[in-house]
Protein backbone atom coordinates (compact mmCIF):
# COMPACT_ATOMS: atom_id res chain seq x y z
CA MET A 1 -0.52 -0.22 -0.09
CA ASN A 2 3.02 2.14 0.82
CA ASP A 3 4.59 1.71 -2.18
CA GLN A 4 1.30 2.49 -4.18
CA ILE A 5 1.17 5.86 -2.30
CA GLY A 6 4.91 6.34 -3.49
CA LYS A 7 4.46 5.57 -7.07
CA GLY A 8 1.24 8.68 -7.30
CA LEU A 9 3.96 11.40 -5.37
CA LEU A 10 5.14 14.03 -7.54
CA PRO A 11 7.61 16.44 -7.22
CA PRO A 12 6.29 19.98 -6.40
CA GLY A 13 5.10 21.94 -9.05
CA MET A 14 4.31 18.85 -11.32
CA ASN A 15 0.42 17.75 -11.65
CA ASP A 16 -1.33 14.69 -13.84
CA ILE A 17 -3.88 16.17 -15.76
CA LEU A 18 -6.69 13.58 -15.56
CA PRO A 19 -9.99 13.37 -18.23
CA PRO A 20 -11.64 15.26 -19.26
CA GLU A 21 -9.66 17.99 -18.09
CA ALA A 22 -6.69 16.73 -20.17
CA GLY A 23 -8.41 16.53 -23.83
CA PHE A 24 -10.35 19.14 -22.95
CA GLU A 25 -6.71 21.25 -22.61
CA THR A 26 -5.94 19.58 -26.13
CA ALA A 27 -9.03 20.66 -27.84
CA THR A 28 -8.35 24.41 -26.58
CA VAL A 29 -4.87 24.34 -27.77
CA ASN A 30 -6.03 23.24 -31.23
CA ARG A 31 -8.95 25.90 -31.44
CA LEU A 32 -5.99 28.13 -30.71
CA LEU A 33 -3.94 27.09 -32.90
CA ARG A 34 -6.35 27.17 -35.65
CA VAL A 35 -7.38 31.38 -34.98
CA PHE A 36 -3.29 31.29 -35.43
CA ARG A 37 -3.38 29.93 -38.63
CA SER A 38 -6.30 31.33 -40.17
CA ASN A 39 -4.19 34.78 -39.16
CA GLY A 40 -1.52 33.66 -41.35
CA TYR A 41 0.89 32.21 -38.60
CA GLU A 42 2.57 28.76 -39.64
CA GLN A 43 3.20 26.29 -37.29
CA VAL A 44 6.20 25.57 -35.89
CA LYS A 45 7.77 22.20 -33.67
CA PRO A 46 11.17 23.38 -31.28
CA PRO A 47 12.65 20.70 -29.88
CA LEU A 48 12.14 20.49 -25.71
CA VAL A 49 16.00 20.59 -25.09
CA GLU A 50 18.91 22.37 -26.76
CA PHE A 51 22.72 22.64 -26.55
CA GLU A 52 22.78 25.21 -23.12
CA ALA A 53 24.92 27.37 -25.27
CA SER A 54 22.18 27.81 -27.86
CA LEU A 55 19.66 27.94 -25.49
CA LEU A 56 20.70 30.70 -22.79
CA GLY A 57 22.80 32.43 -25.36
CA GLY A 58 22.12 36.00 -26.17
CA ALA A 59 18.50 37.27 -24.53
CA GLY A 60 17.97 33.43 -23.36
CA ALA A 61 20.67 34.17 -20.57
CA THR A 62 17.63 35.69 -18.92
CA MET A 63 16.19 32.14 -18.73
CA THR A 64 19.37 30.77 -16.81
CA GLY A 65 17.73 30.38 -13.45
CA GLN A 66 14.82 29.10 -14.58
CA THR A 67 16.29 26.43 -17.33
CA PHE A 68 16.78 23.01 -15.69
CA ARG A 69 20.07 21.41 -17.27
CA LEU A 70 21.82 17.93 -17.73
CA MET A 71 24.56 16.18 -19.61
CA ASP A 72 23.84 14.63 -23.15
CA PRO A 73 25.09 10.85 -23.20
CA VAL A 74 25.59 11.10 -27.10
CA SER A 75 27.23 13.90 -27.42
CA HIS A 76 28.63 14.92 -23.98
CA ALA A 77 27.45 18.70 -24.30
CA MET A 78 25.47 20.23 -21.95
CA LEU A 79 21.58 20.70 -22.61
CA GLY A 80 18.94 22.95 -21.08
CA MET A 81 14.88 21.93 -21.26
CA ARG A 82 13.53 24.68 -22.78
CA ALA A 83 11.49 27.10 -19.83
CA ASP A 84 9.95 29.42 -22.20
CA MET A 85 9.51 28.88 -26.16
CA THR A 86 9.92 32.58 -27.63
CA LEU A 87 13.38 32.61 -28.16
CA GLN A 88 13.43 28.81 -29.84
CA VAL A 89 10.86 30.21 -32.50
CA ALA A 90 13.17 33.51 -33.07
CA ARG A 91 16.05 30.93 -33.34
CA ILE A 92 14.11 29.20 -35.85
CA ALA A 93 12.98 32.40 -37.48
CA THR A 94 16.72 33.52 -37.79
CA THR A 95 18.50 30.47 -39.03
CA ARG A 96 16.38 27.81 -40.77
CA LEU A 97 13.79 30.28 -41.91
CA ALA A 98 15.89 33.37 -42.35
CA HIS A 99 15.60 32.74 -46.19
CA VAL A 100 11.89 33.59 -45.74
CA PRO A 101 10.17 36.88 -46.82
CA ARG A 102 9.54 39.14 -43.91
CA PRO A 103 7.38 40.12 -41.88
CA LEU A 104 7.42 36.14 -40.97
CA ARG A 105 4.55 34.88 -38.84
CA LEU A 106 5.17 31.94 -37.07
CA CYS A 107 2.58 30.08 -34.17
CA TYR A 108 3.33 27.38 -31.67
CA ALA A 109 2.09 24.83 -28.59
CA GLY A 110 4.03 22.76 -26.06
CA GLN A 111 5.14 22.23 -22.86
CA VAL A 112 8.10 24.08 -20.93
CA LEU A 113 9.72 23.04 -17.35
CA GLN A 114 10.94 26.05 -15.16
CA VAL A 115 13.01 25.06 -12.28
CA ALA A 116 10.49 27.23 -9.54
CA GLY A 117 6.89 28.27 -10.22
CA SER A 118 5.67 31.62 -8.40
CA GLN A 119 2.97 32.78 -5.72
CA MET A 120 1.03 33.10 -8.58
CA ARG A 121 1.38 30.27 -10.72
CA PRO A 122 3.13 27.41 -8.40
CA GLU A 123 2.91 24.98 -11.42
CA ARG A 124 6.49 24.41 -12.75
CA GLN A 125 5.77 22.56 -16.27
CA VAL A 126 3.08 24.89 -18.10
CA GLY A 127 1.62 24.32 -21.98
CA GLN A 128 1.99 27.20 -23.73
CA ALA A 129 0.91 28.60 -26.97
CA GLY A 130 1.82 31.78 -28.92
CA VAL A 131 2.75 33.67 -31.65
CA GLU A 132 5.89 35.70 -33.29
CA LEU A 133 5.50 38.46 -35.73
CA ILE A 134 9.74 38.56 -36.89
CA GLY A 135 11.22 41.45 -39.27
CA SER A 136 8.51 44.42 -39.07
CA GLN A 137 9.18 47.59 -36.86
CA SER A 138 5.76 48.83 -38.07
CA PRO A 139 3.63 49.77 -34.70
CA ARG A 140 1.00 47.84 -36.73
CA ALA A 141 2.67 44.64 -35.93
CA ASP A 142 2.51 45.35 -32.49
CA ALA A 143 -1.25 45.76 -32.39
CA GLU A 144 -1.74 42.89 -34.63
CA VAL A 145 -0.37 40.53 -31.69
CA ILE A 146 -2.51 42.28 -29.58
CA ALA A 147 -5.60 42.06 -31.18
CA LEU A 148 -4.95 38.60 -32.37
CA ALA A 149 -4.47 37.43 -28.67
CA HIS A 150 -7.75 38.75 -27.89
CA GLU A 151 -9.20 37.59 -30.86
CA ALA A 152 -7.88 33.90 -30.01
CA LEU A 153 -9.16 34.19 -26.38
CA ALA A 154 -12.59 35.03 -27.52
CA ALA A 155 -12.88 32.21 -29.98
CA ILE A 156 -12.53 29.76 -27.01
CA GLY A 157 -14.79 31.69 -24.99
CA VAL A 158 -12.70 33.67 -22.21
CA GLN A 159 -15.01 36.67 -21.35
CA GLY A 160 -13.71 39.99 -20.14
CA LEU A 161 -10.41 40.11 -21.47
CA SER A 162 -8.07 43.37 -20.57
CA ALA A 163 -4.94 44.07 -21.73
CA ASP A 164 -2.23 45.65 -19.24
CA LEU A 165 0.17 47.60 -21.84
CA ASN A 166 3.71 48.77 -20.89
CA VAL A 167 7.00 50.27 -22.13
CA PRO A 168 10.16 48.59 -20.34
CA THR A 169 12.42 51.25 -22.27
CA LEU A 170 10.74 54.26 -20.76
CA VAL A 171 12.16 53.97 -17.09
CA PRO A 172 15.70 53.34 -18.37
CA ALA A 173 15.26 56.09 -20.70
CA VAL A 174 14.20 58.76 -18.01
CA ALA A 175 16.75 58.03 -16.08
CA ALA A 176 19.63 58.32 -18.42
CA ALA A 177 18.71 61.29 -18.83
CA LEU A 178 18.20 62.36 -15.49
CA GLY A 179 22.00 61.19 -14.98
CA LEU A 180 21.04 58.38 -12.68
CA GLY A 181 22.88 55.35 -12.48
CA GLY A 182 24.35 52.37 -10.94
CA GLU A 183 23.17 51.94 -7.39
CA GLY A 184 20.96 54.89 -7.82
CA ALA A 185 19.02 53.72 -10.70
CA ALA A 186 18.88 50.48 -9.09
CA ARG A 187 17.51 51.70 -6.02
CA ALA A 188 14.37 53.47 -8.30
CA ARG A 189 13.87 50.25 -10.05
CA ALA A 190 13.28 47.89 -7.04
CA ALA A 191 11.07 51.77 -5.63
CA LEU A 192 9.28 51.01 -9.03
CA ASP A 193 8.71 47.68 -9.03
CA ARG A 194 7.19 47.77 -6.09
CA LYS A 195 5.06 50.57 -6.71
CA ASP A 196 6.56 52.39 -3.25
CA ALA A 197 6.01 56.09 -3.41
CA GLY A 198 7.53 56.56 -0.50
CA GLU A 199 10.76 55.24 -0.98
CA ILE A 200 10.58 57.36 -4.57
CA ALA A 201 10.07 60.33 -2.77
CA ALA A 202 12.90 59.34 -0.85
CA LEU A 203 15.02 59.56 -3.95
CA GLY A 204 14.82 63.84 -3.67
CA GLY A 205 14.35 66.10 -6.52
CA ASN A 206 13.54 66.17 -9.99
CA VAL A 207 14.22 62.22 -10.18
CA ALA A 208 11.57 61.82 -8.07
CA ALA A 209 9.02 63.91 -8.98
CA LEU A 210 9.31 62.41 -12.33
CA PHE A 211 9.50 59.12 -11.33
CA LYS A 212 6.39 59.61 -9.20
CA ALA A 213 4.46 61.16 -12.13
CA LEU A 214 5.21 58.09 -14.08
CA LEU A 215 3.94 55.63 -11.16
CA LYS A 216 0.60 58.12 -10.78
CA ALA A 217 0.07 57.62 -14.74
CA ALA A 218 -0.83 54.18 -14.46
CA GLY A 219 -4.40 53.37 -15.11
CA PRO A 220 -6.90 53.01 -18.26
CA ALA A 221 -5.28 53.55 -21.35
CA GLU A 222 -6.62 57.12 -22.31
CA ALA A 223 -6.26 58.64 -18.98
CA ALA A 224 -2.86 57.15 -18.71
CA LEU A 225 -1.42 58.41 -22.19
CA GLY A 226 -2.90 62.03 -21.40
CA ALA A 227 -1.44 61.80 -17.94
CA LEU A 228 2.16 60.78 -19.65
CA ASP A 229 1.83 63.71 -22.64
CA ALA A 230 1.41 66.38 -20.03
CA LEU A 231 5.24 65.41 -18.17
CA ASP A 232 8.29 66.91 -19.13
CA LEU A 233 9.91 63.74 -20.63
CA PRO A 234 13.50 63.51 -22.46
CA PRO A 235 13.25 62.82 -26.25
CA ALA A 236 13.66 59.03 -25.88
CA ALA A 237 11.07 58.27 -23.36
CA ARG A 238 8.92 60.99 -25.08
CA ASP A 239 9.25 58.70 -28.51
CA ALA A 240 8.37 55.45 -26.32
CA VAL A 241 5.20 57.20 -25.38
CA GLY A 242 4.51 58.57 -29.14
CA ARG A 243 4.91 54.43 -30.23
CA LEU A 244 2.56 53.35 -27.36
CA ALA A 245 -0.01 55.76 -28.52
CA GLU A 246 0.03 54.36 -31.77
CA VAL A 247 -0.41 50.88 -30.44
CA VAL A 248 -2.87 52.03 -28.42
CA ALA A 249 -4.98 53.67 -31.08
CA LEU A 250 -4.43 50.71 -33.41
CA VAL A 251 -5.66 48.07 -30.86
CA ALA A 252 -8.62 49.83 -30.00
CA GLU A 253 -9.77 50.34 -33.51
CA ALA A 254 -9.24 46.51 -34.25
CA ALA A 255 -10.36 45.13 -30.93
CA PRO A 256 -12.71 47.49 -29.28
CA ASN A 257 -13.76 45.31 -26.59
CA LEU A 258 -10.80 44.67 -25.41
CA LYS A 259 -10.10 47.05 -22.05
CA LEU A 260 -7.22 48.65 -21.88
CA THR A 261 -5.00 50.07 -19.41
CA VAL A 262 -1.25 51.40 -19.23
CA ASP A 263 1.67 50.95 -16.64
CA PRO A 264 4.51 53.05 -17.80
CA VAL A 265 6.74 51.72 -14.59
CA GLU A 266 6.31 48.39 -14.85
CA ASN A 267 8.76 45.99 -16.22
CA ARG A 268 8.93 42.56 -14.24
CA GLY A 269 9.03 39.28 -16.38
CA PHE A 270 10.11 41.64 -19.91
CA ASP A 271 13.88 41.55 -19.06
CA TYR A 272 14.74 41.04 -22.71
CA HIS A 273 11.79 42.89 -24.68
CA THR A 274 12.54 46.26 -26.38
CA GLY A 275 9.30 48.16 -26.70
CA VAL A 276 5.43 47.90 -26.11
CA THR A 277 4.93 45.23 -23.59
CA PHE A 278 1.47 43.58 -22.62
CA VAL A 279 -0.13 41.39 -20.18
CA LEU A 280 -3.51 39.59 -20.58
CA PHE A 281 -5.82 39.07 -17.66
CA ALA A 282 -9.22 37.91 -17.30
CA PRO A 283 -11.55 38.62 -14.19
CA GLY A 284 -11.34 36.51 -11.01
CA VAL A 285 -8.95 34.09 -12.98
CA ARG A 286 -5.64 33.77 -10.64
CA GLY A 287 -2.65 34.35 -12.83
CA GLU A 288 -2.31 36.52 -15.89
CA LEU A 289 -3.54 34.45 -19.09
CA GLY A 290 -0.56 35.87 -21.17
CA ARG A 291 2.15 38.16 -22.07
CA GLY A 292 4.12 39.22 -24.67
CA GLY A 293 5.45 42.51 -26.81
CA ARG A 294 8.29 43.35 -28.47
CA TYR A 295 12.22 41.99 -28.59
CA LEU A 296 15.15 41.42 -31.12
CA ALA A 297 15.43 38.07 -32.51
CA GLY A 298 18.29 36.61 -33.05
CA GLY A 299 21.16 39.33 -31.72
CA ALA A 300 24.00 38.34 -30.11
CA ASP A 301 22.74 40.21 -26.87
CA GLY A 302 19.31 40.88 -27.52
CA THR A 303 18.06 43.23 -24.96
CA THR A 304 18.57 46.68 -25.98
CA ALA A 305 18.48 48.62 -29.80
CA ALA A 306 22.20 50.06 -29.43
CA ALA A 307 23.11 46.18 -28.78
CA ALA A 308 21.03 44.96 -31.84
CA ALA A 309 23.36 47.56 -33.70
CA ALA A 310 26.26 46.31 -32.91
CA ALA A 311 25.07 42.48 -32.83
CA PRO A 312 27.30 40.85 -36.03
CA ASP A 313 24.61 37.93 -36.57
CA GLY A 314 22.28 40.82 -37.54
CA ALA A 315 19.05 41.11 -34.94
CA GLU A 316 15.85 41.32 -36.26
CA PRO A 317 12.54 43.64 -34.68
CA ALA A 318 10.19 41.16 -33.52
CA THR A 319 6.86 40.97 -31.26
CA GLY A 320 4.70 38.29 -30.32
CA PHE A 321 3.07 36.68 -27.54
CA THR A 322 2.96 33.09 -25.28
CA LEU A 323 -0.61 31.96 -23.61
CA PHE A 324 -0.38 30.00 -20.35
CA MET A 325 -2.69 27.31 -21.00
CA ASP A 326 -3.13 26.59 -17.25
CA SER A 327 -4.70 30.23 -16.70
CA VAL A 328 -6.41 29.92 -19.98
CA ILE A 329 -8.39 26.93 -18.66
CA ARG A 330 -9.35 28.32 -15.54
CA ALA A 331 -11.00 31.24 -17.36
CA LEU A 332 -13.28 28.65 -19.01
CA PRO A 333 -16.32 26.87 -17.87
CA ALA A 334 -15.31 23.56 -16.81
CA ALA A 335 -14.88 20.58 -19.16
CA ALA A 336 -17.97 18.17 -19.31
CA ALA A 337 -17.52 14.42 -19.55
CA ALA A 338 -17.66 13.64 -23.06
CA GLU A 339 -20.56 11.44 -24.82
CA ARG A 340 -19.38 8.28 -25.16
CA VAL A 341 -21.56 5.08 -26.38
CA TYR A 342 -21.18 1.85 -25.61
CA VAL A 343 -21.06 -0.96 -28.72
CA PRO A 344 -21.57 -3.98 -27.91
CA VAL A 345 -19.27 -6.69 -29.51
CA GLU A 346 -22.51 -8.30 -31.51
CA ALA A 347 -22.83 -4.68 -33.27
CA GLY A 348 -19.73 -5.27 -35.15
CA PRO A 349 -17.08 -2.81 -36.45
CA GLN A 350 -19.83 -1.17 -39.46
CA ALA A 351 -21.77 -0.28 -36.58
CA ARG A 352 -18.83 1.61 -34.59
CA ARG A 353 -17.43 3.15 -37.80
CA ALA A 354 -21.11 4.76 -38.32
CA LEU A 355 -20.92 5.91 -35.14
CA GLN A 356 -17.66 7.85 -35.16
CA ALA A 357 -18.61 9.53 -38.39
CA GLU A 358 -21.20 11.15 -36.50
CA GLY A 359 -18.91 12.41 -34.18
CA TRP A 360 -19.36 10.28 -31.12
CA MET A 361 -16.88 8.53 -28.82
CA THR A 362 -17.05 5.10 -29.21
CA VAL A 363 -16.11 2.12 -26.46
CA SER A 364 -15.76 -1.29 -27.84
CA GLY A 365 -17.17 -4.09 -25.91
CA LEU A 366 -14.69 -6.88 -25.67
CA GLU A 367 -16.79 -10.03 -24.16
CA ALA A 368 -19.46 -11.24 -26.38
CA GLY A 369 -23.06 -11.95 -24.41
CA ALA A 370 -22.42 -9.17 -21.60
CA ASP A 371 -24.94 -7.30 -20.88
CA PRO A 372 -24.87 -4.00 -22.69
CA ARG A 373 -26.67 -1.66 -20.33
CA ALA A 374 -24.54 -3.08 -17.07
CA GLU A 375 -21.19 -2.56 -19.38
CA ALA A 376 -22.04 1.06 -20.65
CA VAL A 377 -22.22 2.24 -16.90
CA ARG A 378 -19.60 -0.12 -15.54
CA LEU A 379 -17.45 2.13 -18.47
CA ARG A 380 -18.68 5.15 -17.61
CA CYS A 381 -20.89 6.03 -20.80
CA SER A 382 -23.36 7.98 -21.28
CA HIS A 383 -25.25 6.12 -24.03
CA VAL A 384 -25.47 2.37 -25.26
CA LEU A 385 -26.12 0.99 -28.65
CA LEU A 386 -29.52 -0.60 -28.81
CA GLY A 387 -31.28 -1.88 -31.90
CA GLY A 388 -29.01 0.18 -34.12
CA ARG A 389 -29.40 3.78 -32.43
CA PRO A 390 -27.64 5.46 -29.28
CA VAL A 391 -29.82 5.15 -26.48
CA PRO A 392 -28.95 7.51 -23.25
CA LEU A 393 -28.84 5.42 -20.33
CA VAL A 394 -30.80 7.86 -18.34
CA ASP A 395 -33.93 6.83 -20.65
CA ILE A 396 -33.30 3.10 -19.84
């Protein structure tokens, strides 16, 4: 008995997904992929593991702390097990698909494994599905992926979706213009991440005033953009806000039912992003449904525009999003048990195939002469084939 209990134990953050939830998740992923493909995004399938140097090079270095590593017994090289799929798709785009005309639209779905979960998402193995649009710097590209995320989630039944837009480059641009660097910049960044107005005030002078104003600007997109437009921002920060305003206007036109908010100081989780980013939420759902934004694909560093310009391998502008399937499933009504019809041995394979052609899930009997009603109940079927037609068990 103890041995059986031990076999059922799993590492922290790992879960068995059972019927009907497992089938429901697979069907949901397939529905999302259909929406992605219908918008011109072609599917790719990266490997579960890659050489460590490739997986964690450049912008992938931001995932080092979340990546499981192991020694390959064949090549004797260190391998990494993917903790995120975005940069894998970017690698495919800038290597194997480098010859394909831009902009390149790719979609994907798969499982990732992370070293540690978070308070909001304790799961360490998570399903992901998403898209990447590579090779365009246009604000229409940013707007396209945000609107596509809304379209895909609405298509599977997620309601009340909102997108919180951010600009991770805004705070660094302000800090640089104000001559704030090193320990001072790190202190300001930490205070902004905590939304700690008292610590920001302690910075003193123009620095405190401007960062406090940025903090207070967060809110509904229209009001937030108005507050940002009224600030005396340095040129680089002003350009970032102008780009954000363009994207907001385009998204509002393409997805008028999507609620848009702006948090100009949010940066957490956007370590390698270089422009407009966003996080997706649904009311009453634990954790974010997804996140995405602009980054550099294939650059040597991949964290700043300056690094891209210096990258010998030629970084490409890119944007996209990743949906987290555990949160997406929580935003949907509970999976319903499938209607299953029990088919007695005596009915024969033609009857089974005819039912399957009609869309039924069939459960074939294996013992001749068995009571079909009793077997249907025992095998958790909702119907039994009697007289050549499926009959609900509740009617028997």
